[in-house]
Amino acid sequence: MNNHQIIDQQIQTLPVNEVVFTNAQLLIGDEVIKGSLKVENGLITDIDTSSVSVRGLDCEGDYLSPGLVELHTDNLERHLQPRPGAHWPKQAAIISHDAELASVGITTVFDALRVGSLPSEGKRGGYSKYAREVATNIGEMRAQNLLRINHLLHLRAEICSETLIEEIEEFGAVDQVGIVSLMDHTPGQRQFRDSAKLAEYLRGKHSMTDPEIEAHFDRLKKLQAENGKRHNDAASKKGREMGAILASHDDTTESDVLASVRTGVGVAEFPTTLEAARACRAHGIGVMMGAPNLLRGGSHSGNVAAHELVEHDLLDIFSSDYAPSSLLAASVRLGLESGNMANGLMKATSAPAKAAGLTDRGELAIGQRADILRFKVANSLPMTRGLWVSGNRVA
């Protein structure tokens, strides 16, 4: 009889609504403790660190972590449009996105959907609305129990646009919008303080010519002057009405952070300078950085590197941004480099859960949702070995 058959027999001796994970390295708070964990009816009901149970699922010394919580990912957009101009059926894209996130240890995701479009620009630099239709599809699929992991919404309010107010007004409490981020991509400021970086991006992604880029920049600057304050105020107000956490995006200066404080921002997404990160910490705003930034060793836009914020103890939360697998990989790297795996994983579990106001997940603790990730580390890289959402295995 092989090990898998033994494990199968052990699981079959338990009630169908009960799972015991044994012989695991449990990531509890900021500690790694060998022990066992019991799940009943979707909740963690017991943690035993005094001995290793002989009854249950043998984790073979692997790490057992809370499931990862992702606050900001553009990954769904990649599935909706895998190539420029190639639009994928929406429900098929959502299912693929959902499966990909489950495969890399994410159990809760805030799907980032853009609200605010530039329809007048056409195909060269413009973009049309899509968020309402996609959100409806996510809600319907969630109601039909078609998704492996927990999907909430993150509305990326594009301040420098033509249609922000009308698009965001299409959302309400029923949509489970948990985050509204205020994003101003006007050339020459914030993420694209160096306009040459934005021009490089537009040439690569949209094959825009230099005259087209110049005209596009002029249009964006005009829109920001016309709509900036009105859009910022409307998006902030709507977010508060829906009970969402407000997030700033690409804060660069102390003035940017002070504006965020006045708006009631709780999370700063990807501050671009050490100055801004320090100001966020001083005002109690959680600092989120991209996991790809840490793995690549720096920002692809030429902004502050995530490892600099780690060195100054200014990084609170990881986000996978555009690369889902980076969330676990960056957390594990930080855990290895700091000598404390639990500390690394907290940046992707308890910290984002707390920032988003989710009190029922993000920790291995009695009474918490049984959103559980099993993984091992080989050659300094994580390998997922199982994922459970509310006690049900999904990957």
Foldseek 3Di string as FASTA:
>chain_A
DDPVVVQVVLAVVDPPQKAKEWQEQELFFQATAHWMWMAGQQFTADTDRPDTDPGGHYLVHFHKFFFFEFEAAQALVCLQDVAQPRGDPLLVSVQVSLLVLVQQRHAEYAHEAEAAWAVVLPSQLTDDHDVVVNLVSVLVCVVVVNGLHHYAHEYEQEQLHDGRLVRLVSDALSSRHAEYEDDYPQACDFLRVPNVLVVVVSCVRVVDDPVSSVVSNVSSVVSCVVGVVVSLVSSLVSCVRNVHAYEYERAEALVSVVVCVVSRHQEYEAHFAPRNLVSCVVSNHAYEYELVLAVVVHDSSPGGGPVVCVVVVRHQAYHNHHHSNSRQLSLLLVCVVVVTSSVSSLNGFVRVCVSSVNPQTRRSDGRHRPFMWTWHADPSGIRTDWTAGSRHTDD
